[in-house]
Amino acid sequence: MFGMGDMSKMLEGMQENVAKLQAELESKTFSVKSGGGLVELTLNGKGEVVDLSIDPSAMEDKATLEILLIGAMNDANKMVQQNQQSSALNLFGGVK
């Protein structure tokens, strides 16, 4: 059986690991290109947009630009979510 001290130490250790994981996630960046590089989007590990680059030639067709932006955002968000999930699984030893 676990004593209260053991449980407290275990919870403190888990909190430290979660804090480290959050800092690690925030420091990562994920970049995607859409439309053969006409749109490039970079998100940090928290899913926040940190950079967006649009080729001037893409500005001529609003509908296409919108599609390219949506595709880039969706792809980047998937990358961030997959990274968060795999990092969380690693943190908890792969226990589901």
PDB file of N, CA and C in Angstrom:
ATOM      1  N   MET A   1       0.840  -1.186   0.000  1.00  0.00           N
ATOM      2  CA  MET A   1       0.000   0.000   0.000  1.00  0.00           C
ATOM      3  C   MET A   1       0.876   1.238   0.000  1.00  0.00           C
ATOM      4  N   PHE A   2       0.342   2.277  -0.559  1.00  0.00           N
ATOM      5  CA  PHE A   2       1.019   3.566  -0.580  1.00  0.00           C
ATOM      6  C   PHE A   2       0.644   4.350   0.658  1.00  0.00           C
ATOM      7  N   GLY A   3       1.643   4.970   1.287  1.00  0.00           N
ATOM      8  CA  GLY A   3       1.375   5.897   2.371  1.00  0.00           C
ATOM      9  C   GLY A   3       1.107   7.265   1.783  1.00  0.00           C
ATOM     10  N   MET A   4       0.629   8.176   2.608  1.00  0.00           N
ATOM     11  CA  MET A   4       0.329   9.531   2.133  1.00  0.00           C
ATOM     12  C   MET A   4       1.584  10.221   1.608  1.00  0.00           C
ATOM     13  N   GLY A   5       2.720   9.986   2.246  1.00  0.00           N
ATOM     14  CA  GLY A   5       3.971  10.586   1.783  1.00  0.00           C
ATOM     15  C   GLY A   5       4.375  10.086   0.420  1.00  0.00           C
ATOM     16  N   ASP A   6       4.205   8.782   0.209  1.00  0.00           N
ATOM     17  CA  ASP A   6       4.542   8.190  -1.088  1.00  0.00           C
ATOM     18  C   ASP A   6       3.647   8.745  -2.189  1.00  0.00           C
ATOM     19  N   MET A   7       2.349   8.863  -1.883  1.00  0.00           N
ATOM     20  CA  MET A   7       1.402   9.402  -2.860  1.00  0.00           C
ATOM     21  C   MET A   7       1.734  10.843  -3.193  1.00  0.00           C
ATOM     22  N   SER A   8       2.072  11.606  -2.163  1.00  0.00           N
ATOM     23  CA  SER A   8       2.410  13.019  -2.357  1.00  0.00           C
ATOM     24  C   SER A   8       3.642  13.164  -3.239  1.00  0.00           C
ATOM     25  N   LYS A   9       4.660  12.344  -2.992  1.00  0.00           N
ATOM     26  CA  LYS A   9       5.885  12.386  -3.805  1.00  0.00           C
ATOM     27  C   LYS A   9       5.584  11.993  -5.247  1.00  0.00           C
ATOM     28  N   MET A  10       4.727  10.995  -5.416  1.00  0.00           N
ATOM     29  CA  MET A  10       4.390  10.540  -6.755  1.00  0.00           C
ATOM     30  C   MET A  10       3.649  11.645  -7.516  1.00  0.00           C
ATOM     31  N   LEU A  11       2.711  12.320  -6.846  1.00  0.00           N
ATOM     32  CA  LEU A  11       1.974  13.410  -7.485  1.00  0.00           C
ATOM     33  C   LEU A  11       2.896  14.575  -7.828  1.00  0.00           C
ATOM     34  N   GLU A  12       3.832  14.881  -6.943  1.00  0.00           N
ATOM     35  CA  GLU A  12       4.785  15.957  -7.225  1.00  0.00           C
ATOM     36  C   GLU A  12       5.624  15.615  -8.447  1.00  0.00           C
ATOM     37  N   GLY A  13       6.061  14.371  -8.527  1.00  0.00           N
ATOM     38  CA  GLY A  13       6.843  13.932  -9.678  1.00  0.00           C
ATOM     39  C   GLY A  13       6.052  14.033 -10.968  1.00  0.00           C
ATOM     40  N   MET A  14       4.777  13.656 -10.915  1.00  0.00           N
ATOM     41  CA  MET A  14       3.931  13.749 -12.104  1.00  0.00           C
ATOM     42  C   MET A  14       3.721  15.200 -12.498  1.00  0.00           C
ATOM     43  N   GLN A  15       3.542  16.086 -11.528  1.00  0.00           N
ATOM     44  CA  GLN A  15       3.366  17.506 -11.828  1.00  0.00           C
ATOM     45  C   GLN A  15       4.613  18.075 -12.489  1.00  0.00           C
ATOM     46  N   GLU A  16       5.780  17.669 -12.003  1.00  0.00           N
ATOM     47  CA  GLU A  16       7.036  18.117 -12.603  1.00  0.00           C
ATOM     48  C   GLU A  16       7.138  17.631 -14.043  1.00  0.00           C
ATOM     49  N   ASN A  17       6.765  16.374 -14.266  1.00  0.00           N
ATOM     50  CA  ASN A  17       6.824  15.814 -15.620  1.00  0.00           C
ATOM     51  C   ASN A  17       5.857  16.517 -16.556  1.00  0.00           C
ATOM     52  N   VAL A  18       4.671  16.840 -16.063  1.00  0.00           N
ATOM     53  CA  VAL A  18       3.686  17.550 -16.886  1.00  0.00           C
ATOM     54  C   VAL A  18       4.202  18.947 -17.224  1.00  0.00           C
ATOM     55  N   ALA A  19       4.801  19.626 -16.249  1.00  0.00           N
ATOM     56  CA  ALA A  19       5.356  20.968 -16.501  1.00  0.00           C
ATOM     57  C   ALA A  19       6.469  20.900 -17.538  1.00  0.00           C
ATOM     58  N   LYS A  20       7.331  19.877 -17.451  1.00  0.00           N
ATOM     59  CA  LYS A  20       8.406  19.710 -18.430  1.00  0.00           C
ATOM     60  C   LYS A  20       7.819  19.447 -19.820  1.00  0.00           C
ATOM     61  N   LEU A  21       6.774  18.617 -19.865  1.00  0.00           N
ATOM     62  CA  LEU A  21       6.138  18.300 -21.140  1.00  0.00           C
ATOM     63  C   LEU A  21       5.535  19.556 -21.760  1.00  0.00           C
ATOM     64  N   GLN A  22       4.859  20.362 -20.966  1.00  0.00           N
ATOM     65  CA  GLN A  22       4.266  21.588 -21.486  1.00  0.00           C
ATOM     66  C   GLN A  22       5.338  22.523 -22.034  1.00  0.00           C
ATOM     67  N   ALA A  23       6.434  22.672 -21.311  1.00  0.00           N
ATOM     68  CA  ALA A  23       7.522  23.533 -21.785  1.00  0.00           C
ATOM     69  C   ALA A  23       8.118  22.986 -23.079  1.00  0.00           C
ATOM     70  N   GLU A  24       8.259  21.674 -23.147  1.00  0.00           N
ATOM     71  CA  GLU A  24       8.802  21.046 -24.353  1.00  0.00           C
ATOM     72  C   GLU A  24       7.866  21.261 -25.541  1.00  0.00           C
ATOM     73  N   LEU A  25       6.563  21.096 -25.314  1.00  0.00           N
ATOM     74  CA  LEU A  25       5.590  21.292 -26.387  1.00  0.00           C
ATOM     75  C   LEU A  25       5.602  22.730 -26.886  1.00  0.00           C
ATOM     76  N   GLU A  26       5.694  23.676 -25.950  1.00  0.00           N
ATOM     77  CA  GLU A  26       5.691  25.085 -26.333  1.00  0.00           C
ATOM     78  C   GLU A  26       6.912  25.455 -27.160  1.00  0.00           C
ATOM     79  N   SER A  27       8.024  24.758 -26.944  1.00  0.00           N
ATOM     80  CA  SER A  27       9.258  25.102 -27.648  1.00  0.00           C
ATOM     81  C   SER A  27       9.319  24.515 -29.062  1.00  0.00           C
ATOM     82  N   LYS A  28       8.470  23.549 -29.360  1.00  0.00           N
ATOM     83  CA  LYS A  28       8.470  22.921 -30.687  1.00  0.00           C
ATOM     84  C   LYS A  28       7.686  23.773 -31.678  1.00  0.00           C
ATOM     85  N   THR A  29       8.069  23.652 -32.943  1.00  0.00           N
ATOM     86  CA  THR A  29       7.312  24.292 -34.015  1.00  0.00           C
ATOM     87  C   THR A  29       7.022  23.264 -35.102  1.00  0.00           C
ATOM     88  N   PHE A  30       5.906  23.478 -35.773  1.00  0.00           N
ATOM     89  CA  PHE A  30       5.467  22.577 -36.831  1.00  0.00           C
ATOM     90  C   PHE A  30       5.120  23.423 -38.050  1.00  0.00           C
ATOM     91  N   SER A  31       5.787  23.155 -39.150  1.00  0.00           N
ATOM     92  CA  SER A  31       5.573  23.923 -40.374  1.00  0.00           C
ATOM     93  C   SER A  31       4.981  23.032 -41.457  1.00  0.00           C
ATOM     94  N   VAL A  32       4.041  23.599 -42.180  1.00  0.00           N
ATOM     95  CA  VAL A  32       3.442  22.895 -43.317  1.00  0.00           C
ATOM     96  C   VAL A  32       3.398  23.838 -44.504  1.00  0.00           C
ATOM     97  N   LYS A  33       3.436  23.235 -45.685  1.00  0.00           N
ATOM     98  CA  LYS A  33       3.304  23.993 -46.921  1.00  0.00           C
ATOM     99  C   LYS A  33       2.070  23.497 -47.645  1.00  0.00           C
ATOM    100  N   SER A  34       1.417  24.408 -48.313  1.00  0.00           N
ATOM    101  CA  SER A  34       0.214  24.078 -49.070  1.00  0.00           C
ATOM    102  C   SER A  34       0.325  24.720 -50.452  1.00  0.00           C
ATOM    103  N   GLY A  35      -0.257  24.059 -51.423  1.00  0.00           N
ATOM    104  CA  GLY A  35      -0.230  24.603 -52.783  1.00  0.00           C
ATOM    105  C   GLY A  35       1.163  24.647 -53.361  1.00  0.00           C
ATOM    106  N   GLY A  36       1.957  23.620 -53.081  1.00  0.00           N
ATOM    107  CA  GLY A  36       3.316  23.587 -53.616  1.00  0.00           C
ATOM    108  C   GLY A  36       4.201  24.687 -53.052  1.00  0.00           C
ATOM    109  N   GLY A  37       3.892  25.134 -51.843  1.00  0.00           N
ATOM    110  CA  GLY A  37       4.712  26.151 -51.195  1.00  0.00           C
ATOM    111  C   GLY A  37       4.163  27.565 -51.321  1.00  0.00           C
ATOM    112  N   LEU A  38       2.979  27.706 -51.930  1.00  0.00           N
ATOM    113  CA  LEU A  38       2.390  29.040 -52.033  1.00  0.00           C
ATOM    114  C   LEU A  38       2.015  29.587 -50.654  1.00  0.00           C
ATOM    115  N   VAL A  39       1.643  28.686 -49.749  1.00  0.00           N
ATOM    116  CA  VAL A  39       1.314  29.069 -48.382  1.00  0.00           C
ATOM    117  C   VAL A  39       2.157  28.220 -47.441  1.00  0.00           C
ATOM    118  N   GLU A  40       2.811  28.873 -46.496  1.00  0.00           N
ATOM    119  CA  GLU A  40       3.563  28.153 -45.471  1.00  0.00           C
ATOM    120  C   GLU A  40       3.103  28.673 -44.111  1.00  0.00           C
ATOM    121  N   LEU A  41       2.758  27.726 -43.240  1.00  0.00           N
ATOM    122  CA  LEU A  41       2.206  28.054 -41.936  1.00  0.00           C
ATOM    123  C   LEU A  41       3.015  27.348 -40.863  1.00  0.00           C
ATOM    124  N   THR A  42       3.338  28.062 -39.791  1.00  0.00           N
ATOM    125  CA  THR A  42       4.085  27.477 -38.678  1.00  0.00           C
ATOM    126  C   THR A  42       3.302  27.677 -37.398  1.00  0.00           C
ATOM    127  N   LEU A  43       3.113  26.580 -36.661  1.00  0.00           N
ATOM    128  CA  LEU A  43       2.452  26.605 -35.364  1.00  0.00           C
ATOM    129  C   LEU A  43       3.437  26.169 -34.295  1.00  0.00           C
ATOM    130  N   ASN A  44       3.223  26.658 -33.063  1.00  0.00           N
ATOM    131  CA  ASN A  44       4.017  26.141 -31.959  1.00  0.00           C
ATOM    132  C   ASN A  44       3.314  24.913 -31.392  1.00  0.00           C
ATOM    133  N   GLY A  45       3.910  24.296 -30.401  1.00  0.00           N
ATOM    134  CA  GLY A  45       3.372  23.068 -29.832  1.00  0.00           C
ATOM    135  C   GLY A  45       2.053  23.230 -29.118  1.00  0.00           C
ATOM    136  N   LYS A  46       1.650  24.466 -28.852  1.00  0.00           N
ATOM    137  CA  LYS A  46       0.356  24.713 -28.229  1.00  0.00           C
ATOM    138  C   LYS A  46      -0.731  24.947 -29.285  1.00  0.00           C
ATOM    139  N   GLY A  47      -0.336  24.933 -30.553  1.00  0.00           N
ATOM    140  CA  GLY A  47      -1.297  25.120 -31.628  1.00  0.00           C
ATOM    141  C   GLY A  47      -1.502  26.563 -32.025  1.00  0.00           C
ATOM    142  N   GLU A  48      -0.635  27.447 -31.561  1.00  0.00           N
ATOM    143  CA  GLU A  48      -0.744  28.866 -31.893  1.00  0.00           C
ATOM    144  C   GLU A  48       0.052  29.163 -33.164  1.00  0.00           C
ATOM    145  N   VAL A  49      -0.521  29.963 -34.040  1.00  0.00           N
ATOM    146  CA  VAL A  49       0.172  30.346 -35.271  1.00  0.00           C
ATOM    147  C   VAL A  49       1.296  31.308 -34.904  1.00  0.00           C
ATOM    148  N   VAL A  50       2.523  30.968 -35.324  1.00  0.00           N
ATOM    149  CA  VAL A  50       3.668  31.830 -35.042  1.00  0.00           C
ATOM    150  C   VAL A  50       4.253  32.445 -36.311  1.00  0.00           C
ATOM    151  N   ASP A  51       3.873  31.898 -37.479  1.00  0.00           N
ATOM    152  CA  ASP A  51       4.363  32.471 -38.722  1.00  0.00           C
ATOM    153  C   ASP A  51       3.452  32.045 -39.866  1.00  0.00           C
ATOM    154  N   LEU A  52       3.285  32.953 -40.809  1.00  0.00           N
ATOM    155  CA  LEU A  52       2.482  32.690 -41.999  1.00  0.00           C
ATOM    156  C   LEU A  52       3.146  33.395 -43.167  1.00  0.00           C
ATOM    157  N   SER A  53       3.377  32.638 -44.218  1.00  0.00           N
ATOM    158  CA  SER A  53       3.975  33.206 -45.416  1.00  0.00           C
ATOM    159  C   SER A  53       3.082  32.868 -46.609  1.00  0.00           C
ATOM    160  N   ILE A  54       2.738  33.897 -47.378  1.00  0.00           N
ATOM    161  CA  ILE A  54       1.897  33.704 -48.558  1.00  0.00           C
ATOM    162  C   ILE A  54       2.630  34.263 -49.772  1.00  0.00           C
ATOM    163  N   ASP A  55       2.806  33.423 -50.765  1.00  0.00           N
ATOM    164  CA  ASP A  55       3.439  33.858 -52.004  1.00  0.00           C
ATOM    165  C   ASP A  55       2.535  34.910 -52.658  1.00  0.00           C
ATOM    166  N   PRO A  56       3.102  35.996 -53.134  1.00  0.00           N
ATOM    167  CA  PRO A  56       2.286  37.060 -53.751  1.00  0.00           C
ATOM    168  C   PRO A  56       1.390  36.577 -54.892  1.00  0.00           C
ATOM    169  N   SER A  57       1.823  35.564 -55.614  1.00  0.00           N
ATOM    170  CA  SER A  57       1.004  35.071 -56.730  1.00  0.00           C
ATOM    171  C   SER A  57      -0.293  34.424 -56.241  1.00  0.00           C
ATOM    172  N   ALA A  58      -0.316  33.978 -54.998  1.00  0.00           N
ATOM    173  CA  ALA A  58      -1.528  33.353 -54.450  1.00  0.00           C
ATOM    174  C   ALA A  58      -2.591  34.384 -54.096  1.00  0.00           C
ATOM    175  N   MET A  59      -2.195  35.650 -54.040  1.00  0.00           N
ATOM    176  CA  MET A  59      -3.119  36.714 -53.667  1.00  0.00           C
ATOM    177  C   MET A  59      -4.108  37.047 -54.788  1.00  0.00           C
ATOM    178  N   GLU A  60      -3.823  36.570 -55.977  1.00  0.00           N
ATOM    179  CA  GLU A  60      -4.656  36.895 -57.127  1.00  0.00           C
ATOM    180  C   GLU A  60      -5.995  36.156 -57.121  1.00  0.00           C
ATOM    181  N   ASP A  61      -6.050  34.988 -56.477  1.00  0.00           N
ATOM    182  CA  ASP A  61      -7.266  34.175 -56.481  1.00  0.00           C
ATOM    183  C   ASP A  61      -7.692  33.914 -55.037  1.00  0.00           C
ATOM    184  N   LYS A  62      -8.650  34.703 -54.566  1.00  0.00           N
ATOM    185  CA  LYS A  62      -9.084  34.655 -53.172  1.00  0.00           C
ATOM    186  C   LYS A  62      -9.600  33.265 -52.785  1.00  0.00           C
ATOM    187  N   ALA A  63     -10.409  32.649 -53.619  1.00  0.00           N
ATOM    188  CA  ALA A  63     -10.998  31.348 -53.295  1.00  0.00           C
ATOM    189  C   ALA A  63      -9.920  30.278 -53.134  1.00  0.00           C
ATOM    190  N   THR A  64      -8.949  30.274 -54.041  1.00  0.00           N
ATOM    191  CA  THR A  64      -7.855  29.306 -53.950  1.00  0.00           C
ATOM    192  C   THR A  64      -7.014  29.554 -52.710  1.00  0.00           C
ATOM    193  N   LEU A  65      -6.737  30.812 -52.421  1.00  0.00           N
ATOM    194  CA  LEU A  65      -5.962  31.158 -51.227  1.00  0.00           C
ATOM    195  C   LEU A  65      -6.667  30.677 -49.960  1.00  0.00           C
ATOM    196  N   GLU A  66      -7.970  30.854 -49.907  1.00  0.00           N
ATOM    197  CA  GLU A  66      -8.732  30.392 -48.746  1.00  0.00           C
ATOM    198  C   GLU A  66      -8.614  28.886 -48.579  1.00  0.00           C
ATOM    199  N   ILE A  67      -8.718  28.153 -49.679  1.00  0.00           N
ATOM    200  CA  ILE A  67      -8.593  26.690 -49.639  1.00  0.00           C
ATOM    201  C   ILE A  67      -7.196  26.286 -49.167  1.00  0.00           C
ATOM    202  N   LEU A  68      -6.170  26.961 -49.687  1.00  0.00           N
ATOM    203  CA  LEU A  68      -4.797  26.651 -49.296  1.00  0.00           C
ATOM    204  C   LEU A  68      -4.567  26.929 -47.809  1.00  0.00           C
ATOM    205  N   LEU A  69      -5.114  28.038 -47.319  1.00  0.00           N
ATOM    206  CA  LEU A  69      -4.969  28.373 -45.901  1.00  0.00           C
ATOM    207  C   LEU A  69      -5.675  27.357 -45.007  1.00  0.00           C
ATOM    208  N   ILE A  70      -6.881  26.975 -45.381  1.00  0.00           N
ATOM    209  CA  ILE A  70      -7.628  25.978 -44.600  1.00  0.00           C
ATOM    210  C   ILE A  70      -6.873  24.652 -44.572  1.00  0.00           C
ATOM    211  N   GLY A  71      -6.365  24.234 -45.729  1.00  0.00           N
ATOM    212  CA  GLY A  71      -5.597  22.989 -45.784  1.00  0.00           C
ATOM    213  C   GLY A  71      -4.359  23.043 -44.916  1.00  0.00           C
ATOM    214  N   ALA A  72      -3.633  24.145 -44.970  1.00  0.00           N
ATOM    215  CA  ALA A  72      -2.421  24.293 -44.172  1.00  0.00           C
ATOM    216  C   ALA A  72      -2.750  24.292 -42.681  1.00  0.00           C
ATOM    217  N   MET A  73      -3.808  25.005 -42.299  1.00  0.00           N
ATOM    218  CA  MET A  73      -4.189  25.049 -40.879  1.00  0.00           C
ATOM    219  C   MET A  73      -4.593  23.671 -40.371  1.00  0.00           C
ATOM    220  N   ASN A  74      -5.370  22.949 -41.158  1.00  0.00           N
ATOM    221  CA  ASN A  74      -5.799  21.609 -40.748  1.00  0.00           C
ATOM    222  C   ASN A  74      -4.616  20.654 -40.623  1.00  0.00           C
ATOM    223  N   ASP A  75      -3.719  20.679 -41.590  1.00  0.00           N
ATOM    224  CA  ASP A  75      -2.540  19.805 -41.545  1.00  0.00           C
ATOM    225  C   ASP A  75      -1.659  20.127 -40.347  1.00  0.00           C
ATOM    226  N   ALA A  76      -1.436  21.409 -40.103  1.00  0.00           N
ATOM    227  CA  ALA A  76      -0.588  21.811 -38.980  1.00  0.00           C
ATOM    228  C   ALA A  76      -1.230  21.427 -37.649  1.00  0.00           C
ATOM    229  N   ASN A  77      -2.541  21.628 -37.528  1.00  0.00           N
ATOM    230  CA  ASN A  77      -3.227  21.249 -36.294  1.00  0.00           C
ATOM    231  C   ASN A  77      -3.145  19.751 -36.038  1.00  0.00           C
ATOM    232  N   LYS A  78      -3.253  18.942 -37.084  1.00  0.00           N
ATOM    233  CA  LYS A  78      -3.117  17.491 -36.937  1.00  0.00           C
ATOM    234  C   LYS A  78      -1.724  17.134 -36.422  1.00  0.00           C
ATOM    235  N   MET A  79      -0.709  17.792 -36.965  1.00  0.00           N
ATOM    236  CA  MET A  79       0.661  17.525 -36.515  1.00  0.00           C
ATOM    237  C   MET A  79       0.816  17.852 -35.034  1.00  0.00           C
ATOM    238  N   VAL A  80       0.280  18.978 -34.611  1.00  0.00           N
ATOM    239  CA  VAL A  80       0.376  19.395 -33.210  1.00  0.00           C
ATOM    240  C   VAL A  80      -0.351  18.394 -32.321  1.00  0.00           C
ATOM    241  N   GLN A  81      -1.553  18.004 -32.703  1.00  0.00           N
ATOM    242  CA  GLN A  81      -2.332  17.065 -31.898  1.00  0.00           C
ATOM    243  C   GLN A  81      -1.644  15.715 -31.789  1.00  0.00           C
ATOM    244  N   GLN A  82      -1.100  15.225 -32.891  1.00  0.00           N
ATOM    245  CA  GLN A  82      -0.394  13.947 -32.863  1.00  0.00           C
ATOM    246  C   GLN A  82       0.823  14.024 -31.952  1.00  0.00           C
ATOM    247  N   ASN A  83       1.531  15.143 -31.996  1.00  0.00           N
ATOM    248  CA  ASN A  83       2.696  15.307 -31.139  1.00  0.00           C
ATOM    249  C   ASN A  83       2.277  15.363 -29.667  1.00  0.00           C
ATOM    250  N   GLN A  84       1.199  16.069 -29.364  1.00  0.00           N
ATOM    251  CA  GLN A  84       0.716  16.147 -27.986  1.00  0.00           C
ATOM    252  C   GLN A  84       0.309  14.773 -27.475  1.00  0.00           C
ATOM    253  N   GLN A  85      -0.377  14.002 -28.316  1.00  0.00           N
ATOM    254  CA  GLN A  85      -0.815  12.668 -27.911  1.00  0.00           C
ATOM    255  C   GLN A  85       0.365  11.739 -27.666  1.00  0.00           C
ATOM    256  N   SER A  86       1.326  11.741 -28.576  1.00  0.00           N
ATOM    257  CA  SER A  86       2.469  10.844 -28.400  1.00  0.00           C
ATOM    258  C   SER A  86       3.313  11.266 -27.203  1.00  0.00           C
ATOM    259  N   SER A  87       3.426  12.567 -26.968  1.00  0.00           N
ATOM    260  CA  SER A  87       4.177  13.043 -25.808  1.00  0.00           C
ATOM    261  C   SER A  87       3.480  12.649 -24.512  1.00  0.00           C
ATOM    262  N   ALA A  88       2.154  12.752 -24.478  1.00  0.00           N
ATOM    263  CA  ALA A  88       1.396  12.371 -23.285  1.00  0.00           C
ATOM    264  C   ALA A  88       1.509  10.875 -23.035  1.00  0.00           C
ATOM    265  N   LEU A  89       1.453  10.068 -24.105  1.00  0.00           N
ATOM    266  CA  LEU A  89       1.610   8.631 -23.938  1.00  0.00           C
ATOM    267  C   LEU A  89       2.984   8.279 -23.393  1.00  0.00           C
ATOM    268  N   ASN A  90       4.008   8.957 -23.887  1.00  0.00           N
ATOM    269  CA  ASN A  90       5.368   8.728 -23.382  1.00  0.00           C
ATOM    270  C   ASN A  90       5.484   9.124 -21.923  1.00  0.00           C
ATOM    271  N   LEU A  91       4.819  10.211 -21.553  1.00  0.00           N
ATOM    272  CA  LEU A  91       4.861  10.685 -20.176  1.00  0.00           C
ATOM    273  C   LEU A  91       4.290   9.660 -19.215  1.00  0.00           C
ATOM    274  N   PHE A  92       3.195   9.020 -19.624  1.00  0.00           N
ATOM    275  CA  PHE A  92       2.538   8.058 -18.759  1.00  0.00           C
ATOM    276  C   PHE A  92       2.918   6.621 -19.088  1.00  0.00           C
ATOM    277  N   GLY A  93       4.016   6.447 -19.765  1.00  0.00           N
ATOM    278  CA  GLY A  93       4.539   5.109 -20.025  1.00  0.00           C
ATOM    279  C   GLY A  93       3.721   4.291 -20.988  1.00  0.00           C
ATOM    280  N   GLY A  94       2.972   4.959 -21.854  1.00  0.00           N
ATOM    281  CA  GLY A  94       2.197   4.228 -22.852  1.00  0.00           C
ATOM    282  C   GLY A  94       0.931   3.603 -22.314  1.00  0.00           C
ATOM    283  N   VAL A  95       0.544   3.929 -21.085  1.00  0.00           N
ATOM    284  CA  VAL A  95      -0.665   3.377 -20.501  1.00  0.00           C
ATOM    285  C   VAL A  95      -1.869   4.087 -21.081  1.00  0.00           C
ATOM    286  N   LYS A  96      -2.833   3.337 -21.570  1.00  0.00           N
ATOM    287  CA  LYS A  96      -4.048   3.934 -22.151  1.00  0.00           C
ATOM    288  C   LYS A  96      -5.162   3.924 -21.136  1.00  0.00           C
TER     289      LYS A  96
END
